[in-house]
């Protein structure tokens, strides 16, 4: 069983906060959490409780899965969602190039880590 990856949670929280273009202080206000706690959580310097994580996810308008992704054993659906989000604004030429990169990367990974 995997342990919670608090640094991963913090990194994802920061990523989604930056995507929304809000500061730590704004996230703290929206989620009713002390601003210093937001900083500690993003750095992975503290453990975060489920109620706190729930408030943060709601404030960022993401699922709990999105935040704890690195700690989940079954996370393919989150990877697929993230890939779809990344690819959503690509044109045909970009998509074709990315598909080729993914195929090559997959081949290398399978050879390196059979």
N, C-alpha and C. Protein backbone atom coordinates (compact mmCIF):
# COMPACT_ATOMS: atom_id res chain seq x y z
N UNK A 1 0.84 -1.19 0.00
CA UNK A 1 0.00 0.00 0.00
C UNK A 1 0.88 1.25 0.00
N UNK A 2 0.55 2.18 -0.87
CA UNK A 2 1.31 3.42 -0.97
C UNK A 2 1.00 4.34 0.20
N UNK A 3 2.01 5.11 0.57
CA UNK A 3 1.83 6.16 1.57
C UNK A 3 1.44 7.45 0.85
N UNK A 4 0.86 8.36 1.57
CA UNK A 4 0.54 9.66 0.97
C UNK A 4 1.82 10.41 0.66
N UNK A 5 1.90 10.93 -0.53
CA UNK A 5 3.04 11.71 -0.99
C UNK A 5 2.70 13.19 -0.77
N UNK A 6 3.08 13.71 0.40
CA UNK A 6 2.70 15.07 0.75
C UNK A 6 3.39 16.11 -0.14
N UNK A 7 4.59 15.81 -0.59
CA UNK A 7 5.25 16.74 -1.51
C UNK A 7 4.54 16.74 -2.86
N UNK A 8 4.10 15.57 -3.30
CA UNK A 8 3.33 15.48 -4.54
C UNK A 8 2.01 16.22 -4.44
N UNK A 9 1.35 16.07 -3.30
CA UNK A 9 0.09 16.79 -3.07
C UNK A 9 0.33 18.29 -3.13
N UNK A 10 1.38 18.74 -2.47
CA UNK A 10 1.70 20.16 -2.46
C UNK A 10 2.03 20.68 -3.86
N UNK A 11 2.79 19.89 -4.62
CA UNK A 11 3.16 20.31 -5.98
C UNK A 11 1.93 20.40 -6.87
N UNK A 12 1.02 19.44 -6.75
CA UNK A 12 -0.21 19.48 -7.56
C UNK A 12 -1.11 20.64 -7.14
N UNK A 13 -1.17 20.87 -5.85
CA UNK A 13 -1.96 21.99 -5.34
C UNK A 13 -1.43 23.30 -5.92
N UNK A 14 -0.12 23.47 -5.90
CA UNK A 14 0.50 24.68 -6.46
C UNK A 14 0.23 24.78 -7.96
N UNK A 15 0.33 23.65 -8.65
CA UNK A 15 0.07 23.63 -10.09
C UNK A 15 -1.34 24.13 -10.39
N UNK A 16 -2.33 23.57 -9.71
CA UNK A 16 -3.72 23.96 -9.97
C UNK A 16 -3.98 25.41 -9.51
N UNK A 17 -3.32 25.83 -8.45
CA UNK A 17 -3.47 27.22 -8.01
C UNK A 17 -2.92 28.17 -9.08
N UNK A 18 -1.76 27.82 -9.61
CA UNK A 18 -1.17 28.65 -10.67
C UNK A 18 -2.03 28.64 -11.93
N UNK A 19 -2.65 27.49 -12.23
CA UNK A 19 -3.55 27.41 -13.39
C UNK A 19 -4.72 28.38 -13.24
N UNK A 20 -5.20 28.54 -12.02
CA UNK A 20 -6.31 29.45 -11.75
C UNK A 20 -5.83 30.90 -11.60
N UNK A 21 -4.50 31.06 -11.60
CA UNK A 21 -3.89 32.40 -11.48
C UNK A 21 -4.31 33.09 -10.18
N UNK A 22 -4.23 32.34 -9.08
CA UNK A 22 -4.52 32.93 -7.78
C UNK A 22 -3.30 32.76 -6.88
N UNK A 23 -3.17 33.64 -5.92
CA UNK A 23 -2.05 33.60 -4.98
C UNK A 23 -2.36 32.63 -3.84
N UNK A 24 -1.34 32.36 -3.04
CA UNK A 24 -1.56 31.53 -1.86
C UNK A 24 -2.54 32.22 -0.92
N UNK A 25 -2.43 33.53 -0.79
CA UNK A 25 -3.34 34.28 0.08
C UNK A 25 -4.79 34.18 -0.42
N UNK A 26 -4.97 34.26 -1.72
CA UNK A 26 -6.32 34.14 -2.28
C UNK A 26 -6.88 32.74 -2.06
N UNK A 27 -6.04 31.72 -2.26
CA UNK A 27 -6.49 30.35 -2.01
C UNK A 27 -6.85 30.17 -0.54
N UNK A 28 -6.04 30.74 0.33
CA UNK A 28 -6.31 30.65 1.77
C UNK A 28 -7.66 31.27 2.10
N UNK A 29 -7.93 32.42 1.51
CA UNK A 29 -9.20 33.10 1.77
C UNK A 29 -10.38 32.29 1.24
N UNK A 30 -10.26 31.78 0.01
CA UNK A 30 -11.35 31.03 -0.60
C UNK A 30 -11.65 29.74 0.18
N UNK A 31 -10.58 29.09 0.64
CA UNK A 31 -10.74 27.80 1.31
C UNK A 31 -10.83 27.91 2.83
N UNK A 32 -10.75 29.15 3.34
CA UNK A 32 -10.82 29.38 4.78
C UNK A 32 -9.73 28.62 5.55
N UNK A 33 -8.51 28.76 5.04
CA UNK A 33 -7.34 28.12 5.65
C UNK A 33 -6.31 29.22 5.87
N UNK A 34 -5.54 29.11 6.94
CA UNK A 34 -4.50 30.10 7.21
C UNK A 34 -3.50 30.15 6.05
N UNK A 35 -3.12 31.35 5.62
CA UNK A 35 -2.16 31.48 4.51
C UNK A 35 -0.85 30.72 4.74
N UNK A 36 -0.36 30.72 5.98
CA UNK A 36 0.88 30.00 6.26
C UNK A 36 0.71 28.49 6.05
N UNK A 37 -0.49 27.98 6.30
CA UNK A 37 -0.75 26.55 6.07
C UNK A 37 -0.69 26.22 4.58
N UNK A 38 -1.19 27.12 3.73
CA UNK A 38 -1.14 26.89 2.29
C UNK A 38 0.32 26.75 1.86
N UNK A 39 1.16 27.63 2.34
CA UNK A 39 2.59 27.58 2.01
C UNK A 39 3.21 26.27 2.49
N UNK A 40 2.92 25.88 3.72
CA UNK A 40 3.47 24.63 4.28
C UNK A 40 3.02 23.42 3.47
N UNK A 41 1.75 23.40 3.09
CA UNK A 41 1.21 22.27 2.33
C UNK A 41 1.87 22.20 0.96
N UNK A 42 1.98 23.35 0.28
CA UNK A 42 2.59 23.36 -1.05
C UNK A 42 4.05 22.90 -1.02
N UNK A 43 4.75 23.18 0.04
CA UNK A 43 6.14 22.74 0.15
C UNK A 43 6.26 21.29 0.63
N UNK A 44 5.15 20.70 1.02
CA UNK A 44 5.19 19.33 1.54
C UNK A 44 5.79 19.27 2.92
N UNK A 45 5.77 20.42 3.62
CA UNK A 45 6.40 20.52 4.94
C UNK A 45 5.46 20.10 6.07
N UNK A 46 4.22 19.81 5.73
CA UNK A 46 3.25 19.42 6.75
C UNK A 46 2.28 18.40 6.17
N UNK A 47 1.72 17.60 7.04
CA UNK A 47 0.69 16.68 6.60
C UNK A 47 -0.62 17.45 6.53
N UNK A 48 -1.44 17.09 5.57
CA UNK A 48 -2.70 17.80 5.38
C UNK A 48 -3.85 16.86 5.71
N UNK A 49 -4.81 17.36 6.45
CA UNK A 49 -5.96 16.53 6.84
C UNK A 49 -6.94 16.43 5.68
N UNK A 50 -7.79 15.43 5.73
CA UNK A 50 -8.80 15.25 4.69
C UNK A 50 -9.75 16.45 4.60
N UNK A 51 -10.27 16.97 5.72
CA UNK A 51 -11.14 18.15 5.60
C UNK A 51 -10.44 19.35 4.95
N UNK A 52 -9.18 19.55 5.27
CA UNK A 52 -8.41 20.65 4.67
C UNK A 52 -8.23 20.40 3.18
N UNK A 53 -7.87 19.18 2.84
CA UNK A 53 -7.67 18.83 1.44
C UNK A 53 -8.97 19.00 0.66
N UNK A 54 -10.06 18.65 1.28
CA UNK A 54 -11.39 18.78 0.67
C UNK A 54 -11.70 20.26 0.37
N UNK A 55 -11.41 21.13 1.35
CA UNK A 55 -11.66 22.57 1.15
C UNK A 55 -10.78 23.13 0.04
N UNK A 56 -9.53 22.68 -0.01
CA UNK A 56 -8.61 23.14 -1.05
C UNK A 56 -9.08 22.67 -2.42
N UNK A 57 -9.45 21.41 -2.53
CA UNK A 57 -9.94 20.87 -3.82
C UNK A 57 -11.15 21.65 -4.29
N UNK A 58 -12.08 21.93 -3.40
CA UNK A 58 -13.27 22.71 -3.77
C UNK A 58 -12.89 24.12 -4.20
N UNK A 59 -11.97 24.73 -3.49
CA UNK A 59 -11.54 26.10 -3.82
C UNK A 59 -10.86 26.14 -5.19
N UNK A 60 -10.10 25.09 -5.51
CA UNK A 60 -9.39 25.03 -6.79
C UNK A 60 -10.27 24.45 -7.91
N UNK A 61 -11.45 23.97 -7.53
CA UNK A 61 -12.39 23.35 -8.48
C UNK A 61 -11.77 22.14 -9.18
N UNK A 62 -11.12 21.29 -8.37
CA UNK A 62 -10.55 20.04 -8.85
C UNK A 62 -11.05 18.92 -7.94
N UNK A 63 -10.83 17.68 -8.36
CA UNK A 63 -11.23 16.56 -7.52
C UNK A 63 -10.12 16.23 -6.52
N UNK A 64 -10.48 15.52 -5.49
CA UNK A 64 -9.46 15.05 -4.55
C UNK A 64 -8.45 14.18 -5.27
N UNK A 65 -8.93 13.37 -6.23
CA UNK A 65 -8.02 12.53 -7.03
C UNK A 65 -6.95 13.37 -7.71
N UNK A 66 -7.34 14.53 -8.22
CA UNK A 66 -6.37 15.39 -8.89
C UNK A 66 -5.24 15.79 -7.94
N UNK A 67 -5.55 15.98 -6.68
CA UNK A 67 -4.53 16.42 -5.72
C UNK A 67 -3.70 15.27 -5.18
N UNK A 68 -4.29 14.10 -4.99
CA UNK A 68 -3.55 12.98 -4.38
C UNK A 68 -3.06 11.97 -5.43
N UNK A 69 -3.15 12.35 -6.68
CA UNK A 69 -2.79 11.52 -7.83
C UNK A 69 -1.51 10.70 -7.61
N UNK A 70 -0.45 11.32 -7.12
CA UNK A 70 0.84 10.64 -6.95
C UNK A 70 0.78 9.53 -5.91
N UNK A 71 -0.20 9.58 -5.04
CA UNK A 71 -0.31 8.59 -3.97
C UNK A 71 -1.25 7.43 -4.30
N UNK A 72 -1.97 7.54 -5.41
CA UNK A 72 -2.93 6.51 -5.78
C UNK A 72 -2.30 5.37 -6.55
N UNK A 73 -2.70 4.16 -6.24
CA UNK A 73 -2.21 3.01 -6.99
C UNK A 73 -2.91 2.89 -8.33
N UNK A 74 -4.18 3.22 -8.36
CA UNK A 74 -4.95 3.17 -9.61
C UNK A 74 -5.26 4.60 -10.02
N UNK A 75 -4.46 5.10 -10.94
CA UNK A 75 -4.60 6.51 -11.29
C UNK A 75 -4.63 6.76 -12.79
N UNK A 76 -4.86 5.72 -13.56
CA UNK A 76 -4.85 5.87 -15.02
C UNK A 76 -5.89 6.88 -15.48
N UNK A 77 -7.07 6.88 -14.87
CA UNK A 77 -8.11 7.82 -15.28
C UNK A 77 -7.68 9.27 -15.08
N UNK A 78 -6.87 9.52 -14.06
CA UNK A 78 -6.39 10.87 -13.82
C UNK A 78 -5.34 11.24 -14.86
N UNK A 79 -4.48 10.29 -15.19
CA UNK A 79 -3.47 10.54 -16.24
C UNK A 79 -4.16 10.85 -17.56
N UNK A 80 -5.17 10.09 -17.88
CA UNK A 80 -5.91 10.33 -19.13
C UNK A 80 -6.56 11.71 -19.13
N UNK A 81 -7.14 12.08 -18.00
CA UNK A 81 -7.78 13.39 -17.89
C UNK A 81 -6.74 14.50 -18.06
N UNK A 82 -5.59 14.32 -17.43
CA UNK A 82 -4.54 15.33 -17.52
C UNK A 82 -4.00 15.44 -18.94
N UNK A 83 -3.81 14.30 -19.60
CA UNK A 83 -3.34 14.33 -20.99
C UNK A 83 -4.36 15.03 -21.89
N UNK A 84 -5.62 14.71 -21.71
CA UNK A 84 -6.67 15.37 -22.50
C UNK A 84 -6.67 16.88 -22.30
N UNK A 85 -6.45 17.29 -21.06
CA UNK A 85 -6.41 18.71 -20.75
C UNK A 85 -5.21 19.37 -21.44
N UNK A 86 -4.07 18.72 -21.40
CA UNK A 86 -2.85 19.26 -22.02
C UNK A 86 -3.02 19.37 -23.53
N UNK A 87 -3.66 18.36 -24.13
CA UNK A 87 -3.78 18.31 -25.58
C UNK A 87 -4.95 19.12 -26.14
N UNK A 88 -5.82 19.60 -25.28
CA UNK A 88 -7.06 20.21 -25.73
C UNK A 88 -6.89 21.43 -26.64
N UNK A 89 -5.79 22.14 -26.52
CA UNK A 89 -5.62 23.33 -27.35
C UNK A 89 -4.58 23.15 -28.46
N UNK A 90 -4.19 21.90 -28.73
CA UNK A 90 -3.19 21.63 -29.77
C UNK A 90 -3.84 21.58 -31.16
N UNK A 91 -3.08 22.04 -32.16
CA UNK A 91 -3.56 21.91 -33.53
C UNK A 91 -3.15 20.53 -34.07
N UNK A 92 -3.57 20.20 -35.28
CA UNK A 92 -3.29 18.87 -35.85
C UNK A 92 -1.80 18.57 -35.94
N UNK A 93 -1.02 19.54 -36.35
CA UNK A 93 0.42 19.36 -36.48
C UNK A 93 1.06 19.06 -35.13
N UNK A 94 0.66 19.79 -34.11
CA UNK A 94 1.18 19.56 -32.76
C UNK A 94 0.78 18.19 -32.25
N UNK A 95 -0.48 17.81 -32.47
CA UNK A 95 -0.96 16.51 -32.01
C UNK A 95 -0.17 15.37 -32.65
N UNK A 96 0.08 15.45 -33.94
CA UNK A 96 0.84 14.41 -34.63
C UNK A 96 2.25 14.30 -34.07
N UNK A 97 2.89 15.44 -33.82
CA UNK A 97 4.24 15.44 -33.25
C UNK A 97 4.24 14.84 -31.85
N UNK A 98 3.24 15.19 -31.05
CA UNK A 98 3.15 14.66 -29.69
C UNK A 98 2.90 13.16 -29.70
N UNK A 99 2.05 12.69 -30.60
CA UNK A 99 1.79 11.25 -30.72
C UNK A 99 3.09 10.50 -31.04
N UNK A 100 3.87 11.02 -31.94
CA UNK A 100 5.15 10.38 -32.29
C UNK A 100 6.10 10.37 -31.10
N UNK A 101 6.14 11.46 -30.33
CA UNK A 101 6.99 11.53 -29.14
C UNK A 101 6.54 10.51 -28.10
N UNK A 102 5.24 10.40 -27.93
CA UNK A 102 4.70 9.45 -26.95
C UNK A 102 5.04 8.02 -27.36
N UNK A 103 4.88 7.70 -28.63
CA UNK A 103 5.21 6.35 -29.11
C UNK A 103 6.67 6.03 -28.84
N UNK A 104 7.55 6.97 -29.16
CA UNK A 104 8.99 6.76 -28.95
C UNK A 104 9.31 6.63 -27.47
N UNK A 105 8.74 7.49 -26.66
CA UNK A 105 8.98 7.45 -25.22
C UNK A 105 8.50 6.13 -24.63
N UNK A 106 7.35 5.68 -25.05
CA UNK A 106 6.79 4.41 -24.57
C UNK A 106 7.72 3.26 -24.92
N UNK A 107 8.22 3.26 -26.15
CA UNK A 107 9.15 2.21 -26.59
C UNK A 107 10.41 2.21 -25.73
N UNK A 108 10.96 3.37 -25.48
CA UNK A 108 12.18 3.49 -24.66
C UNK A 108 11.90 3.02 -23.23
N UNK A 109 10.78 3.43 -22.66
CA UNK A 109 10.43 3.01 -21.30
C UNK A 109 10.29 1.50 -21.19
N UNK A 110 9.65 0.90 -22.16
CA UNK A 110 9.45 -0.56 -22.13
C UNK A 110 10.75 -1.32 -22.30
N UNK A 111 11.70 -0.74 -23.02
CA UNK A 111 13.01 -1.38 -23.17
C UNK A 111 13.85 -1.20 -21.92
N UNK A 112 13.70 -0.04 -21.28
CA UNK A 112 14.49 0.28 -20.09
C UNK A 112 13.94 -0.40 -18.85
N UNK A 113 12.63 -0.44 -18.73
CA UNK A 113 11.97 -1.01 -17.56
C UNK A 113 11.00 -2.10 -17.99
N UNK A 114 11.53 -3.26 -18.39
CA UNK A 114 10.64 -4.33 -18.91
C UNK A 114 9.68 -4.88 -17.85
